[in-house]
Amino acid sequence: MQKYLKTKELKFGSKKFKLPTEALSYGIGLFGIALLSGWVPEYAKTYFADFAFKNQNFGSDALATLISTVFLVAGFVGAAAEIVIGFLVDKTKSKRGKIHPWLLYGCIPLGIISMLVFVAPKTSNFVAATIWMFAIYCAYVMLLVCVESPGNCFGAVCTPNPDERSDAISIAGIMRSIGQSGGMVVLIVVGLVMKAVMGEDGFKAAEGKGLDLQISTAVCVIGFLLFLFIMLKNTRERVPYTTEKVNLGQSLKFVFTNKNLLMVSLAKLAGFGRGVYGAASLYIAIYLLGDKGLKLALLLPMGIGTAVSMLVVKKLIKTIGTKNTFIACSAYGAVSFLLLFGVSMIIGFRKELIIPFLIINFLVGLQNGNTNLTPNVMIADCVDEIELKTGKRQEGLCYAGYGLFSKIASAFTTSLGTYLVFKWSGYMPSTDASVAYAVQSDGTLTRFLIIYTIIPAIFVILQIIPMFFYDLNAKKKEQISLELIKRRGVVETDD
């Protein structure tokens, strides 16, 4: 009978893989990346719309269209960058492996460009503003890919043991999920400090200029760098890379014709609209809870639900498999969104809705553990399947292939969300330099609610469809893993 040995050092470093120490360090690194990647896109939208060119008379419709287009184009730029970076990651050979060099050399430029996103030029020229917005945000997206894409690959190279790998991805996935909401905590703390230092009136004036967003960005950048350095110091790559030359054309052809990887990627693309609730969350926090800083209070129950569900999803994957877990959790997610909409419409958009809204938001969050964890486990399994068929281990391109679809989906999500919030909803930005956000009509508030619930529910259902064609079940995965372990010489036989 064949069984896994404890993980041995195969290529890099000198220490054996240790759970949960290295998995936690991996998670801390992903927490840092998510802290920045969750903050910048989310708050760049409101910075561009409400603060960057305030009182420049650009027109709310023109500005909304511009912002939507910028995020759409930047998403496609990021998608193209995913493939290039994935290919280059697979070609990288160093004493530290193929992942660590990208994280080490890409983090400082990413931190700098992230801060520059929130420093708009003083201009009343719409063309100049357009050029700046496209240039700065596309530059941010490209540098983010240089760090985020290799970081996502690390779970596939931290250990050759698939059980250890799944555990590491699970732990890191929970940390990443928490990190995505970390910016909201930063914003609250920065706001409290600014009020203490500047006084209430001084803070309102600074908030009206977006200064709190700029300071919060700097804090997120510092956190990102510190957390990423912890990962770099305490983790090793242990799955050996292949030495054959990697041909981009042939590799792309195989990656994009691998049915299982393609189905995981198409599920991400088909469900792109599920994330539009994020575009409306800031404004629901403002107009339902009364303060943009309370966006944390709005999304914290969802975040707790996400963390809890990732523990549940981990057990579900081992019990019913990745495919069934994805389908079941997605169906549940659609129902929870519809429940939130129904209760909100019955109670009405007033203070009495706050407690029920937050409770059901927790239930909505229980679906997110699936979308944060299950696809990453599936991709790691697809990496093994492709290695078995081709003899080449191509984590970079496999994750880049998924990342390409993910970036396109993100572009559609952000563009659609921006359009829905700033145009379709009838949102009116403030024209008063001392007032950050203007009063909105009841119709606009109802449309915010639709953006937060009904539209995501539709796309959660759509993301299920490709999964019916995914066929890497537990038995097939075990056969692949054992065959690869034989090839690497890390399996023993008991009679």
Protein backbone atom coordinates (compact mmCIF):
# COMPACT_ATOMS: atom_id res chain seq x y z
CA MET A 1 0.00 0.00 0.00
CA GLN A 2 1.32 3.42 -0.92
CA LYS A 3 1.30 6.35 1.48
CA TYR A 4 2.79 9.81 1.72
CA LEU A 5 6.01 10.34 3.56
CA LYS A 6 6.34 13.46 5.63
CA THR A 7 7.31 16.28 3.31
CA LYS A 8 11.00 16.30 2.40
CA GLU A 9 13.05 19.21 1.19
CA LEU A 10 13.24 18.77 -2.57
CA LYS A 11 14.82 21.87 -4.03
CA PHE A 12 14.96 25.02 -1.97
CA GLY A 13 15.86 25.99 1.58
CA SER A 14 16.81 23.67 4.39
CA LYS A 15 13.73 23.22 6.56
CA LYS A 16 10.81 20.83 6.36
CA PHE A 17 7.34 22.21 5.82
CA LYS A 18 5.72 22.91 9.16
CA LEU A 19 2.00 23.34 9.65
CA PRO A 20 0.71 25.69 10.85
CA THR A 21 3.88 27.85 11.17
CA GLU A 22 4.66 28.28 7.48
CA ALA A 23 1.01 28.17 6.46
CA LEU A 24 0.35 31.01 8.90
CA SER A 25 3.30 32.98 7.49
CA TYR A 26 1.93 32.36 4.00
CA GLY A 27 -1.44 33.60 5.21
CA ILE A 28 0.12 36.71 6.75
CA GLY A 29 1.69 37.51 3.38
CA LEU A 30 -1.62 37.07 1.58
CA PHE A 31 -3.26 39.17 4.31
CA GLY A 32 -0.86 42.00 3.45
CA ILE A 33 -1.48 41.71 -0.28
CA ALA A 34 -5.24 41.57 0.27
CA LEU A 35 -5.06 44.57 2.60
CA LEU A 36 -3.76 46.64 -0.29
CA SER A 37 -5.65 45.01 -3.16
CA GLY A 38 -8.89 45.24 -1.19
CA TRP A 39 -8.37 48.87 -0.23
CA VAL A 40 -7.21 50.52 -3.45
CA PRO A 41 -9.94 49.46 -5.94
CA GLU A 42 -12.72 49.91 -3.40
CA TYR A 43 -11.79 53.39 -2.24
CA ALA A 44 -10.23 54.62 -5.49
CA LYS A 45 -13.74 54.70 -6.94
CA THR A 46 -15.06 57.06 -4.28
CA TYR A 47 -11.84 59.10 -4.38
CA PHE A 48 -12.13 59.56 -8.14
CA ALA A 49 -15.88 60.28 -8.00
CA ASP A 50 -16.17 62.40 -4.87
CA PHE A 51 -12.82 64.05 -4.15
CA ALA A 52 -10.15 63.98 -6.88
CA PHE A 53 -11.77 66.62 -9.10
CA LYS A 54 -14.31 68.19 -6.78
CA ASN A 55 -15.83 71.48 -7.98
CA GLN A 56 -14.19 71.15 -11.41
CA ASN A 57 -17.59 71.03 -13.15
CA PHE A 58 -16.83 67.84 -15.05
CA GLY A 59 -20.44 66.68 -14.73
CA SER A 60 -21.51 63.66 -12.69
CA ASP A 61 -22.57 61.58 -15.73
CA ALA A 62 -19.32 62.22 -17.60
CA LEU A 63 -17.25 61.43 -14.52
CA ALA A 64 -19.23 58.25 -13.79
CA THR A 65 -18.74 57.06 -17.38
CA LEU A 66 -15.03 57.86 -17.20
CA ILE A 67 -14.51 55.97 -13.93
CA SER A 68 -16.44 52.96 -15.22
CA THR A 69 -14.35 52.92 -18.40
CA VAL A 70 -11.07 53.30 -16.50
CA PHE A 71 -11.79 50.28 -14.32
CA LEU A 72 -12.93 48.24 -17.32
CA VAL A 73 -9.80 49.00 -19.36
CA ALA A 74 -7.54 48.50 -16.35
CA GLY A 75 -9.11 45.09 -15.83
CA PHE A 76 -8.20 43.99 -19.34
CA VAL A 77 -4.70 45.41 -18.87
CA GLY A 78 -4.42 43.31 -15.72
CA ALA A 79 -5.71 40.25 -17.56
CA ALA A 80 -3.00 40.57 -20.21
CA ALA A 81 -0.40 41.17 -17.50
CA GLU A 82 -1.47 37.96 -15.75
CA ILE A 83 -0.40 35.85 -18.72
CA VAL A 84 2.91 37.64 -19.14
CA ILE A 85 3.75 37.45 -15.44
CA GLY A 86 2.62 33.82 -15.21
CA PHE A 87 4.92 32.90 -18.09
CA LEU A 88 7.84 34.81 -16.54
CA VAL A 89 7.23 33.20 -13.14
CA ASP A 90 7.56 29.75 -14.71
CA LYS A 91 10.83 30.83 -16.34
CA THR A 92 12.23 32.21 -13.08
CA LYS A 93 15.04 30.14 -11.56
CA SER A 94 16.74 31.24 -8.35
CA LYS A 95 18.02 29.96 -5.03
CA ARG A 96 14.80 31.21 -3.47
CA GLY A 97 12.62 29.50 -6.08
CA LYS A 98 10.30 31.01 -8.66
CA ILE A 99 7.81 32.88 -6.44
CA HIS A 100 9.83 34.73 -3.79
CA PRO A 101 11.85 36.96 -6.16
CA TRP A 102 8.67 38.48 -7.59
CA LEU A 103 7.31 39.26 -4.14
CA LEU A 104 10.60 40.73 -2.96
CA TYR A 105 11.30 43.02 -5.91
CA GLY A 106 7.72 43.98 -6.71
CA CYS A 107 6.47 45.08 -3.29
CA ILE A 108 8.14 48.52 -3.06
CA PRO A 109 7.03 49.76 -6.52
CA LEU A 110 3.50 48.51 -5.79
CA GLY A 111 3.42 50.39 -2.49
CA ILE A 112 4.54 53.63 -4.14
CA ILE A 113 2.05 53.49 -7.01
CA SER A 114 -0.78 52.63 -4.59
CA MET A 115 -0.22 55.89 -2.73
CA LEU A 116 -0.02 57.86 -5.97
CA VAL A 117 -3.49 56.62 -6.97
CA PHE A 118 -4.86 58.89 -4.22
CA VAL A 119 -2.88 61.99 -5.22
CA ALA A 120 -4.79 63.66 -8.06
CA PRO A 121 -3.32 66.49 -10.13
CA LYS A 122 -4.87 69.92 -9.69
CA THR A 123 -6.49 70.46 -13.06
CA SER A 124 -9.79 71.65 -14.48
CA ASN A 125 -9.00 70.04 -17.85
CA PHE A 126 -11.14 66.94 -18.34
CA VAL A 127 -8.72 65.45 -20.89
CA ALA A 128 -5.79 65.81 -18.48
CA ALA A 129 -7.85 64.24 -15.70
CA THR A 130 -8.79 61.38 -18.02
CA ILE A 131 -5.17 60.69 -19.01
CA TRP A 132 -4.03 60.76 -15.38
CA MET A 133 -6.80 58.43 -14.24
CA PHE A 134 -6.10 55.86 -16.96
CA ALA A 135 -2.32 56.02 -16.52
CA ILE A 136 -2.17 55.83 -12.73
CA TYR A 137 -4.76 53.10 -12.29
CA CYS A 138 -3.46 50.89 -15.11
CA ALA A 139 0.05 51.23 -13.66
CA TYR A 140 -1.30 50.16 -10.26
CA VAL A 141 -3.04 47.12 -11.76
CA MET A 142 0.08 45.97 -13.62
CA LEU A 143 2.28 46.24 -10.53
CA LEU A 144 -0.37 44.50 -8.43
CA VAL A 145 -0.29 41.54 -10.83
CA CYS A 146 3.50 41.34 -10.42
CA VAL A 147 3.00 40.63 -6.71
CA GLU A 148 -0.49 39.18 -6.33
CA SER A 149 -0.26 36.58 -9.10
CA PRO A 150 2.99 34.97 -7.84
CA GLY A 151 1.66 35.18 -4.29
CA ASN A 152 -1.41 33.19 -5.28
CA CYS A 153 0.85 30.52 -6.82
CA PHE A 154 2.73 29.85 -3.61
CA GLY A 155 0.18 27.39 -2.26
CA ALA A 156 1.00 25.02 -5.13
CA VAL A 157 4.75 25.01 -4.40
CA CYS A 158 4.91 25.08 -0.60
CA THR A 159 4.69 21.27 -0.31
CA PRO A 160 4.26 18.30 -2.67
CA ASN A 161 1.84 16.64 -0.23
CA PRO A 162 -1.73 17.44 -1.42
CA ASP A 163 -3.19 17.16 2.09
CA GLU A 164 -0.66 19.62 3.50
CA ARG A 165 -1.20 21.83 0.48
CA SER A 166 -4.97 21.97 0.98
CA ASP A 167 -4.48 22.82 4.66
CA ALA A 168 -1.99 25.56 3.81
CA ILE A 169 -4.29 27.05 1.17
CA SER A 170 -7.19 26.92 3.64
CA ILE A 171 -5.30 28.72 6.40
CA ALA A 172 -3.89 31.29 3.99
CA GLY A 173 -7.29 31.76 2.38
CA ILE A 174 -8.86 32.67 5.72
CA MET A 175 -6.12 35.23 6.33
CA ARG A 176 -6.54 36.69 2.85
CA SER A 177 -10.30 36.97 3.34
CA ILE A 178 -9.76 38.90 6.57
CA GLY A 179 -7.19 41.12 4.88
CA GLN A 180 -9.63 42.16 2.17
CA SER A 181 -11.65 44.01 4.81
CA GLY A 182 -8.65 45.29 6.75
CA GLY A 183 -8.75 48.67 5.05
CA MET A 184 -12.10 49.43 6.67
CA VAL A 185 -10.51 49.06 10.11
CA VAL A 186 -7.66 51.31 9.04
CA LEU A 187 -10.14 53.96 7.86
CA ILE A 188 -11.97 53.95 11.20
CA VAL A 189 -8.76 54.22 13.23
CA VAL A 190 -7.38 56.97 10.99
CA GLY A 191 -10.66 58.86 11.33
CA LEU A 192 -10.60 58.63 15.12
CA VAL A 193 -6.99 59.83 15.28
CA MET A 194 -7.72 62.71 12.91
CA LYS A 195 -10.73 63.79 14.99
CA ALA A 196 -8.63 63.70 18.16
CA VAL A 197 -5.87 65.77 16.57
CA MET A 198 -7.88 68.15 14.37
CA GLY A 199 -11.21 68.37 16.17
CA GLU A 200 -14.62 67.57 14.66
CA ASP A 201 -14.75 70.61 12.37
CA GLY A 202 -11.18 70.19 11.20
CA PHE A 203 -11.82 66.53 10.45
CA LYS A 204 -14.93 67.30 8.40
CA ALA A 205 -12.98 69.79 6.31
CA ALA A 206 -10.16 67.28 5.77
CA GLU A 207 -12.64 64.49 5.00
CA GLY A 208 -14.27 66.72 2.40
CA LYS A 209 -10.92 66.76 0.58
CA GLY A 210 -10.32 63.01 0.89
CA LEU A 211 -7.34 63.42 3.24
CA ASP A 212 -8.50 60.51 5.41
CA LEU A 213 -8.38 58.25 2.35
CA GLN A 214 -4.82 59.35 1.54
CA ILE A 215 -3.57 58.72 5.08
CA SER A 216 -5.36 55.36 5.23
CA THR A 217 -3.68 54.35 1.97
CA ALA A 218 -0.25 55.08 3.45
CA VAL A 219 -1.09 52.94 6.50
CA CYS A 220 -2.27 50.07 4.27
CA VAL A 221 0.96 50.27 2.25
CA ILE A 222 3.10 50.06 5.39
CA GLY A 223 1.08 47.08 6.62
CA PHE A 224 1.36 45.39 3.24
CA LEU A 225 5.15 45.65 3.25
CA LEU A 226 5.55 44.42 6.83
CA PHE A 227 3.25 41.43 6.38
CA LEU A 228 4.80 40.43 3.07
CA PHE A 229 8.30 40.50 4.55
CA ILE A 230 7.11 38.08 7.27
CA MET A 231 6.04 35.66 4.56
CA LEU A 232 9.31 36.05 2.66
CA LYS A 233 11.36 35.35 5.77
CA ASN A 234 9.45 32.32 7.04
CA THR A 235 8.39 30.32 3.96
CA ARG A 236 10.15 28.05 1.46
CA GLU A 237 9.30 26.58 -1.94
CA ARG A 238 9.51 22.79 -1.93
CA VAL A 239 8.02 21.50 -5.16
CA PRO A 240 10.80 21.32 -7.76
CA TYR A 241 10.35 23.23 -10.99
CA THR A 242 11.00 21.46 -14.26
CA THR A 243 14.11 22.37 -16.24
CA GLU A 244 12.64 22.16 -19.75
CA LYS A 245 12.36 25.36 -21.73
CA VAL A 246 8.88 26.79 -21.50
CA ASN A 247 7.29 27.70 -24.83
CA LEU A 248 4.63 30.35 -24.28
CA GLY A 249 2.45 29.35 -27.23
CA GLN A 250 2.41 25.64 -26.45
CA SER A 251 1.96 26.24 -22.73
CA LEU A 252 -0.96 28.60 -23.25
CA LYS A 253 -2.58 26.17 -25.63
CA PHE A 254 -2.42 23.35 -23.11
CA VAL A 255 -3.44 25.47 -20.14
CA PHE A 256 -6.46 26.90 -21.92
CA THR A 257 -7.50 23.56 -23.36
CA ASN A 258 -7.31 21.77 -20.02
CA LYS A 259 -11.00 21.25 -19.40
CA ASN A 260 -10.94 21.35 -15.63
CA LEU A 261 -8.84 24.50 -15.35
CA LEU A 262 -11.03 26.11 -18.00
CA MET A 263 -14.21 25.28 -16.08
CA VAL A 264 -12.83 26.81 -12.87
CA SER A 265 -11.87 29.93 -14.82
CA LEU A 266 -15.22 30.17 -16.61
CA ALA A 267 -17.03 29.88 -13.28
CA LYS A 268 -15.14 32.95 -12.11
CA LEU A 269 -16.04 34.83 -15.28
CA ALA A 270 -19.70 33.76 -15.27
CA GLY A 271 -20.11 34.97 -11.70
CA PHE A 272 -18.45 38.35 -12.18
CA GLY A 273 -21.54 40.31 -11.12
CA ARG A 274 -21.72 38.73 -7.66
CA GLY A 275 -19.15 41.25 -6.47
CA VAL A 276 -21.08 44.40 -7.37
CA TYR A 277 -22.44 44.53 -3.83
CA GLY A 278 -19.04 45.92 -2.86
CA ALA A 279 -19.62 49.00 -5.01
CA ALA A 280 -22.81 49.81 -3.12
CA SER A 281 -21.59 48.84 0.36
CA LEU A 282 -19.92 52.18 1.09
CA TYR A 283 -23.08 54.10 0.26
CA ILE A 284 -25.34 51.73 2.17
CA ALA A 285 -23.06 52.31 5.17
CA ILE A 286 -23.34 56.08 4.68
CA TYR A 287 -27.09 56.28 4.16
CA LEU A 288 -28.27 53.36 6.31
CA LEU A 289 -25.76 53.47 9.17
CA GLY A 290 -24.92 57.18 8.85
CA ASP A 291 -21.10 57.08 8.47
CA LYS A 292 -18.75 55.72 5.81
CA GLY A 293 -16.48 54.55 8.62
CA LEU A 294 -19.29 52.20 9.65
CA LYS A 295 -18.85 50.26 6.44
CA LEU A 296 -16.89 47.95 8.72
CA ALA A 297 -19.99 47.46 10.88
CA LEU A 298 -21.91 46.68 7.70
CA LEU A 299 -19.43 44.16 6.31
CA LEU A 300 -17.98 42.79 9.56
CA PRO A 301 -20.83 40.27 9.98
CA MET A 302 -20.26 39.20 6.38
CA GLY A 303 -16.53 38.91 7.07
CA ILE A 304 -17.16 36.80 10.17
CA GLY A 305 -19.47 34.62 8.12
CA THR A 306 -16.75 34.26 5.50
CA ALA A 307 -14.15 33.20 8.07
CA VAL A 308 -16.53 30.70 9.66
CA SER A 309 -17.54 29.29 6.30
CA MET A 310 -13.94 28.73 5.22
CA LEU A 311 -13.56 26.32 8.12
CA VAL A 312 -16.80 24.63 7.09
CA VAL A 313 -15.82 24.57 3.41
CA LYS A 314 -12.54 22.87 4.27
CA LYS A 315 -14.48 20.01 5.86
CA LEU A 316 -17.03 19.96 3.04
CA ILE A 317 -14.27 19.58 0.46
CA LYS A 318 -12.93 16.52 2.27
CA THR A 319 -16.45 15.10 2.65
CA ILE A 320 -18.24 15.78 -0.64
CA GLY A 321 -15.42 17.04 -2.88
CA THR A 322 -14.60 20.40 -4.43
CA LYS A 323 -17.21 20.31 -7.19
CA ASN A 324 -20.19 19.53 -4.96
CA THR A 325 -18.98 22.01 -2.35
CA PHE A 326 -18.85 24.80 -4.93
CA ILE A 327 -22.33 24.05 -6.30
CA ALA A 328 -24.00 23.69 -2.89
CA CYS A 329 -22.45 26.85 -1.43
CA SER A 330 -23.31 28.89 -4.52
CA ALA A 331 -26.96 27.83 -4.38
CA TYR A 332 -27.05 28.78 -0.71
CA GLY A 333 -25.49 32.17 -1.53
CA ALA A 334 -28.21 33.05 -4.02
CA VAL A 335 -30.93 32.23 -1.49
CA SER A 336 -29.26 34.34 1.22
CA PHE A 337 -29.03 37.39 -1.06
CA LEU A 338 -32.72 37.09 -1.93
CA LEU A 339 -33.61 36.75 1.75
CA LEU A 340 -31.73 39.97 2.53
CA PHE A 341 -33.58 41.83 -0.22
CA GLY A 342 -36.99 40.54 0.87
CA VAL A 343 -36.52 41.47 4.53
CA SER A 344 -35.14 44.90 3.59
CA MET A 345 -38.13 45.68 1.38
CA ILE A 346 -40.59 44.58 4.07
CA ILE A 347 -38.99 46.69 6.82
CA GLY A 348 -37.97 49.62 4.62
CA PHE A 349 -34.73 51.58 4.35
CA ARG A 350 -34.76 53.01 7.89
CA LYS A 351 -33.08 52.50 11.27
CA GLU A 352 -35.25 49.50 12.15
CA LEU A 353 -33.58 47.64 9.28
CA ILE A 354 -30.05 47.91 10.70
CA ILE A 355 -30.07 44.90 13.06
CA PRO A 356 -31.88 42.47 10.71
CA PHE A 357 -29.65 43.67 7.86
CA LEU A 358 -26.46 42.94 9.81
CA ILE A 359 -27.71 39.52 10.95
CA ILE A 360 -28.64 38.42 7.44
CA ASN A 361 -25.38 39.90 6.15
CA PHE A 362 -23.64 37.31 8.33
CA LEU A 363 -25.67 34.58 6.63
CA VAL A 364 -24.76 36.03 3.22
CA GLY A 365 -21.09 35.89 4.17
CA LEU A 366 -21.27 32.14 4.73
CA GLN A 367 -21.12 31.63 0.95
CA ASN A 368 -17.85 33.55 0.51
CA GLY A 369 -15.64 30.89 2.05
CA ASN A 370 -16.45 28.77 -0.97
CA THR A 371 -15.43 31.31 -3.60
CA ASN A 372 -12.33 32.30 -1.63
CA LEU A 373 -11.07 28.76 -1.04
CA THR A 374 -12.51 26.11 -3.35
CA PRO A 375 -11.20 27.50 -6.69
CA ASN A 376 -7.65 27.74 -5.28
CA VAL A 377 -7.73 24.09 -4.23
CA MET A 378 -9.10 23.18 -7.66
CA ILE A 379 -6.34 25.10 -9.47
CA ALA A 380 -3.63 23.37 -7.42
CA ASP A 381 -5.20 20.04 -8.41
CA CYS A 382 -5.21 21.15 -12.06
CA VAL A 383 -1.49 22.00 -11.79
CA ASP A 384 -0.88 18.38 -10.78
CA GLU A 385 -3.04 17.06 -13.62
CA ILE A 386 -1.18 19.15 -16.19
CA GLU A 387 2.21 18.09 -14.79
CA LEU A 388 1.20 14.44 -15.06
CA LYS A 389 0.19 14.88 -18.70
CA THR A 390 3.05 17.11 -19.87
CA GLY A 391 5.91 16.54 -17.44
CA LYS A 392 6.03 20.29 -16.84
CA ARG A 393 5.01 21.97 -13.63
CA GLN A 394 3.53 25.35 -14.54
CA GLU A 395 2.01 26.95 -11.46
CA GLY A 396 2.66 30.38 -12.92
CA LEU A 397 0.69 29.88 -16.12
CA CYS A 398 -2.08 27.87 -14.47
CA TYR A 399 -2.74 30.53 -11.88
CA ALA A 400 -2.22 33.19 -14.55
CA GLY A 401 -4.80 31.49 -16.76
CA TYR A 402 -7.29 31.63 -13.92
CA GLY A 403 -6.03 35.11 -13.07
CA LEU A 404 -6.72 36.28 -16.62
CA PHE A 405 -10.37 35.29 -16.30
CA SER A 406 -10.38 36.70 -12.77
CA LYS A 407 -9.04 40.07 -13.92
CA ILE A 408 -11.56 40.23 -16.76
CA ALA A 409 -14.31 39.33 -14.29
CA SER A 410 -13.01 41.97 -11.89
CA ALA A 411 -13.00 44.54 -14.70
CA PHE A 412 -16.60 43.72 -15.54
CA THR A 413 -17.52 43.75 -11.84
CA THR A 414 -15.95 47.12 -11.15
CA SER A 415 -17.18 48.69 -14.36
CA LEU A 416 -20.71 47.37 -13.86
CA GLY A 417 -20.70 48.30 -10.18
CA THR A 418 -19.45 51.81 -10.93
CA TYR A 419 -22.09 52.29 -13.61
CA LEU A 420 -24.88 50.96 -11.38
CA VAL A 421 -23.91 53.04 -8.33
CA PHE A 422 -22.97 56.33 -9.95
CA LYS A 423 -25.33 56.38 -12.94
CA TRP A 424 -28.17 53.82 -12.89
CA SER A 425 -29.01 54.49 -9.23
CA GLY A 426 -29.39 58.24 -9.79
CA TYR A 427 -26.65 59.03 -7.27
CA MET A 428 -25.87 62.74 -6.84
CA PRO A 429 -22.37 63.67 -5.58
CA SER A 430 -21.89 66.57 -3.18
CA THR A 431 -20.97 69.97 -4.62
CA ASP A 432 -20.27 71.48 -1.19
CA ALA A 433 -16.56 71.50 -0.34
CA SER A 434 -17.34 70.99 3.36
CA VAL A 435 -19.83 68.12 2.81
CA ALA A 436 -18.48 64.74 1.74
CA TYR A 437 -21.75 63.10 0.64
CA ALA A 438 -25.06 64.63 -0.48
CA VAL A 439 -28.57 63.48 0.54
CA GLN A 440 -30.06 60.90 -1.86
CA SER A 441 -33.64 60.12 -2.94
CA ASP A 442 -35.59 57.04 -1.79
CA GLY A 443 -35.41 55.66 -5.32
CA THR A 444 -31.62 55.85 -5.26
CA LEU A 445 -31.47 54.08 -1.90
CA THR A 446 -33.72 51.27 -3.18
CA ARG A 447 -31.49 50.82 -6.20
CA PHE A 448 -28.46 50.63 -3.90
CA LEU A 449 -30.24 47.74 -2.19
CA ILE A 450 -30.90 45.99 -5.52
CA ILE A 451 -27.22 46.36 -6.43
CA TYR A 452 -26.30 44.83 -3.07
CA THR A 453 -28.65 41.83 -3.27
CA ILE A 454 -30.65 40.95 -6.40
CA ILE A 455 -27.91 41.45 -8.98
CA PRO A 456 -25.31 39.40 -7.03
CA ALA A 457 -27.86 36.59 -6.56
CA ILE A 458 -28.32 36.26 -10.32
CA PHE A 459 -24.60 35.94 -10.95
CA VAL A 460 -24.08 33.49 -8.08
CA ILE A 461 -26.45 31.14 -9.92
CA LEU A 462 -24.63 31.68 -13.22
CA GLN A 463 -21.26 30.70 -11.73
CA ILE A 464 -22.59 27.21 -10.99
CA ILE A 465 -23.07 26.27 -14.66
CA PRO A 466 -19.40 25.59 -15.65
CA MET A 467 -18.90 23.46 -12.54
CA PHE A 468 -21.20 20.76 -13.89
CA PHE A 469 -18.42 19.95 -16.40
CA TYR A 470 -15.54 19.79 -13.86
CA ASP A 471 -14.48 16.15 -13.32
CA LEU A 472 -11.44 16.06 -11.00
CA ASN A 473 -13.03 13.93 -8.28
CA ALA A 474 -11.34 12.56 -5.16
CA LYS A 475 -10.38 9.22 -6.73
CA LYS A 476 -8.82 10.82 -9.80
CA LYS A 477 -6.94 13.37 -7.67
CA GLU A 478 -5.50 10.61 -5.49
CA GLN A 479 -4.28 8.67 -8.52
CA ILE A 480 -2.60 11.77 -9.95
CA SER A 481 -0.95 12.68 -6.64
CA LEU A 482 0.43 9.19 -6.06
CA GLU A 483 1.84 8.99 -9.58
CA LEU A 484 3.57 12.35 -9.21
CA ILE A 485 4.99 11.38 -5.82
CA LYS A 486 6.44 8.23 -7.39
CA ARG A 487 8.16 10.34 -10.02
CA ARG A 488 9.62 12.66 -7.39
CA GLY A 489 10.76 9.81 -5.17
CA VAL A 490 8.84 10.85 -2.06
CA VAL A 491 6.61 7.83 -1.58
CA GLU A 492 7.22 4.61 0.29
CA THR A 493 5.50 1.24 -0.06
CA ASP A 494 4.16 -0.85 2.81
CA ASP A 495 3.38 -4.48 2.17
